[in-house]
Each structure stands twice: as C-alpha cells, then as structure tokens.
Amino acid sequence: MQVSVADAKNKLPELIKAVEDGEPVTICRRGLPVVDIVRTKKPAPRKIKLGRLKGKIKVLDPDWWKPMTDEEVEDFLSGRG
C-alpha cells in the first residue's frame, strides 16, 4: 500500500493496523517513496529482578508510620520540632 504524507497523517491508526496485519505501507511525497512503515520485532520481556534495593535503604525511624502523639503535634505546630 502506498499513501501520501497527508493521507498518512490523517489515517495513521489505520496504517498501523494494516502493518500489524502484515501489509507493507510506504509513505510517498510527491509520488516518490520516502518512508516504509514496518512492524517491529516483538520486544523481549524484561525480567523482573526482585531485591535490587536490598541493603541500599536505611530506615532511620522504624516507627515513622505511627501517628504523632499530642505532645509531638504541639511541638510541630509551635515550631519547636
């Protein structure tokens, strides 16, 4: 299939679908072929490596997730904490 640049601009999703279905698509400018749209090779799935950050994270306060006490809230609001 050959299409003009203007048609390719207006019909890009359709052209991509045609290429996915195995049809070669060439985009032409002033009747001269300038670009071929080709299907890429299927990318290799990335292997997930668990534990990559093990030993790289320091927990400074293991109770960081606990709510603040009333005294800590007062200190925080008064600017003392």
C-alpha atoms as a PDB file:
ATOM      1  CA  MET A   1       0.000   0.000   0.000  1.00  0.00           C
ATOM      2  CA  GLN A   2       1.285   3.458  -0.857  1.00  0.00           C
ATOM      3  CA  VAL A   3      -0.111   6.623   0.705  1.00  0.00           C
ATOM      4  CA  SER A   4       0.743  10.297   0.582  1.00  0.00           C
ATOM      5  CA  VAL A   5       2.143  12.131   3.564  1.00  0.00           C
ATOM      6  CA  ALA A   6      -1.187  13.946   4.005  1.00  0.00           C
ATOM      7  CA  ASP A   7      -3.149  10.678   3.930  1.00  0.00           C
ATOM      8  CA  ALA A   8      -0.699   9.076   6.346  1.00  0.00           C
ATOM      9  CA  LYS A   9      -1.173  11.982   8.733  1.00  0.00           C
ATOM     10  CA  ASN A  10      -4.943  11.589   8.634  1.00  0.00           C
ATOM     11  CA  LYS A  11      -5.018   7.775   8.703  1.00  0.00           C
ATOM     12  CA  LEU A  12      -2.111   6.825  10.953  1.00  0.00           C
ATOM     13  CA  PRO A  13      -4.083   4.474  13.237  1.00  0.00           C
ATOM     14  CA  GLU A  14      -5.455   2.620  10.206  1.00  0.00           C
ATOM     15  CA  LEU A  15      -1.986   2.343   8.652  1.00  0.00           C
ATOM     16  CA  ILE A  16      -0.547   0.977  11.880  1.00  0.00           C
ATOM     17  CA  LYS A  17      -3.292  -1.636  11.992  1.00  0.00           C
ATOM     18  CA  ALA A  18      -2.544  -2.610   8.366  1.00  0.00           C
ATOM     19  CA  VAL A  19       1.145  -3.058   9.194  1.00  0.00           C
ATOM     20  CA  GLU A  20       0.231  -5.119  12.251  1.00  0.00           C
ATOM     21  CA  ASP A  21      -1.819  -7.337   9.942  1.00  0.00           C
ATOM     22  CA  GLY A  22       1.222  -7.858   7.711  1.00  0.00           C
ATOM     23  CA  GLU A  23       0.547  -5.353   4.925  1.00  0.00           C
ATOM     24  CA  PRO A  24       3.560  -3.237   3.913  1.00  0.00           C
ATOM     25  CA  VAL A  25       2.933   0.518   3.902  1.00  0.00           C
ATOM     26  CA  THR A  26       5.012   3.086   2.029  1.00  0.00           C
ATOM     27  CA  ILE A  27       4.568   6.815   2.527  1.00  0.00           C
ATOM     28  CA  CYS A  28       5.251   8.928  -0.542  1.00  0.00           C
ATOM     29  CA  ARG A  29       5.994  12.605  -1.020  1.00  0.00           C
ATOM     30  CA  ARG A  30       5.108  13.962  -4.455  1.00  0.00           C
ATOM     31  CA  GLY A  31       4.767  10.392  -5.699  1.00  0.00           C
ATOM     32  CA  LEU A  32       8.225   9.311  -4.537  1.00  0.00           C
ATOM     33  CA  PRO A  33       8.557   6.716  -1.749  1.00  0.00           C
ATOM     34  CA  VAL A  34      10.241   8.218   1.305  1.00  0.00           C
ATOM     35  CA  VAL A  35       9.271   6.044   4.278  1.00  0.00           C
ATOM     36  CA  ASP A  36       8.352   2.417   4.800  1.00  0.00           C
ATOM     37  CA  ILE A  37       6.360   1.546   7.893  1.00  0.00           C
ATOM     38  CA  VAL A  38       7.415  -1.864   9.136  1.00  0.00           C
ATOM     39  CA  ARG A  39       6.376  -3.971  12.081  1.00  0.00           C
ATOM     40  CA  THR A  40       8.980  -4.117  14.809  1.00  0.00           C
ATOM     41  CA  LYS A  41      10.211  -7.345  16.238  1.00  0.00           C
ATOM     42  CA  LYS A  42       8.394  -8.337  19.364  1.00  0.00           C
ATOM     43  CA  PRO A  43      10.380  -6.904  22.280  1.00  0.00           C
ATOM     44  CA  ALA A  44      11.857  -9.396  24.691  1.00  0.00           C
ATOM     45  CA  PRO A  45      10.037  -9.296  28.007  1.00  0.00           C
ATOM     46  CA  ARG A  46      12.041  -7.638  30.753  1.00  0.00           C
ATOM     47  CA  LYS A  47      12.950  -9.985  33.508  1.00  0.00           C
ATOM     48  CA  ILE A  48      11.975  -8.611  36.869  1.00  0.00           C
ATOM     49  CA  LYS A  49      14.786  -8.797  39.353  1.00  0.00           C
ATOM     50  CA  LEU A  50      13.474  -8.752  42.891  1.00  0.00           C
ATOM     51  CA  GLY A  51      15.513  -7.419  45.765  1.00  0.00           C
ATOM     52  CA  ARG A  52      17.511  -4.888  43.774  1.00  0.00           C
ATOM     53  CA  LEU A  53      17.378  -2.343  46.599  1.00  0.00           C
ATOM     54  CA  LYS A  54      18.220  -4.765  49.381  1.00  0.00           C
ATOM     55  CA  GLY A  55      20.799  -3.184  51.648  1.00  0.00           C
ATOM     56  CA  LYS A  56      20.511   0.208  49.924  1.00  0.00           C
ATOM     57  CA  ILE A  57      17.665   1.613  52.020  1.00  0.00           C
ATOM     58  CA  LYS A  58      18.254   2.844  55.542  1.00  0.00           C
ATOM     59  CA  VAL A  59      15.289   3.061  57.889  1.00  0.00           C
ATOM     60  CA  LEU A  60      16.147   5.858  60.285  1.00  0.00           C
ATOM     61  CA  ASP A  61      12.992   5.529  62.369  1.00  0.00           C
ATOM     62  CA  PRO A  62      11.220   2.171  62.266  1.00  0.00           C
ATOM     63  CA  ASP A  63       8.125   3.806  63.807  1.00  0.00           C
ATOM     64  CA  TRP A  64       7.836   6.545  61.151  1.00  0.00           C
ATOM     65  CA  TRP A  65       4.386   5.392  60.144  1.00  0.00           C
ATOM     66  CA  LYS A  66       2.823   5.678  63.603  1.00  0.00           C
ATOM     67  CA  PRO A  67       0.637   8.726  64.380  1.00  0.00           C
ATOM     68  CA  MET A  68       2.235  11.592  66.284  1.00  0.00           C
ATOM     69  CA  THR A  69       1.469  11.995  69.962  1.00  0.00           C
ATOM     70  CA  ASP A  70      -0.376  15.096  71.128  1.00  0.00           C
ATOM     71  CA  GLU A  71       2.892  16.461  72.517  1.00  0.00           C
ATOM     72  CA  GLU A  72       4.645  15.947  69.150  1.00  0.00           C
ATOM     73  CA  VAL A  73       1.772  17.717  67.365  1.00  0.00           C
ATOM     74  CA  GLU A  74       2.029  20.690  69.735  1.00  0.00           C
ATOM     75  CA  ASP A  75       5.808  20.869  69.255  1.00  0.00           C
ATOM     76  CA  PHE A  76       5.388  20.664  65.486  1.00  0.00           C
ATOM     77  CA  LEU A  77       2.719  23.379  65.354  1.00  0.00           C
ATOM     78  CA  SER A  78       4.669  25.693  67.642  1.00  0.00           C
ATOM     79  CA  GLY A  79       7.826  25.324  65.566  1.00  0.00           C
ATOM     80  CA  ARG A  80       9.829  23.572  68.264  1.00  0.00           C
ATOM     81  CA  GLY A  81      10.029  20.234  66.466  1.00  0.00           C
END
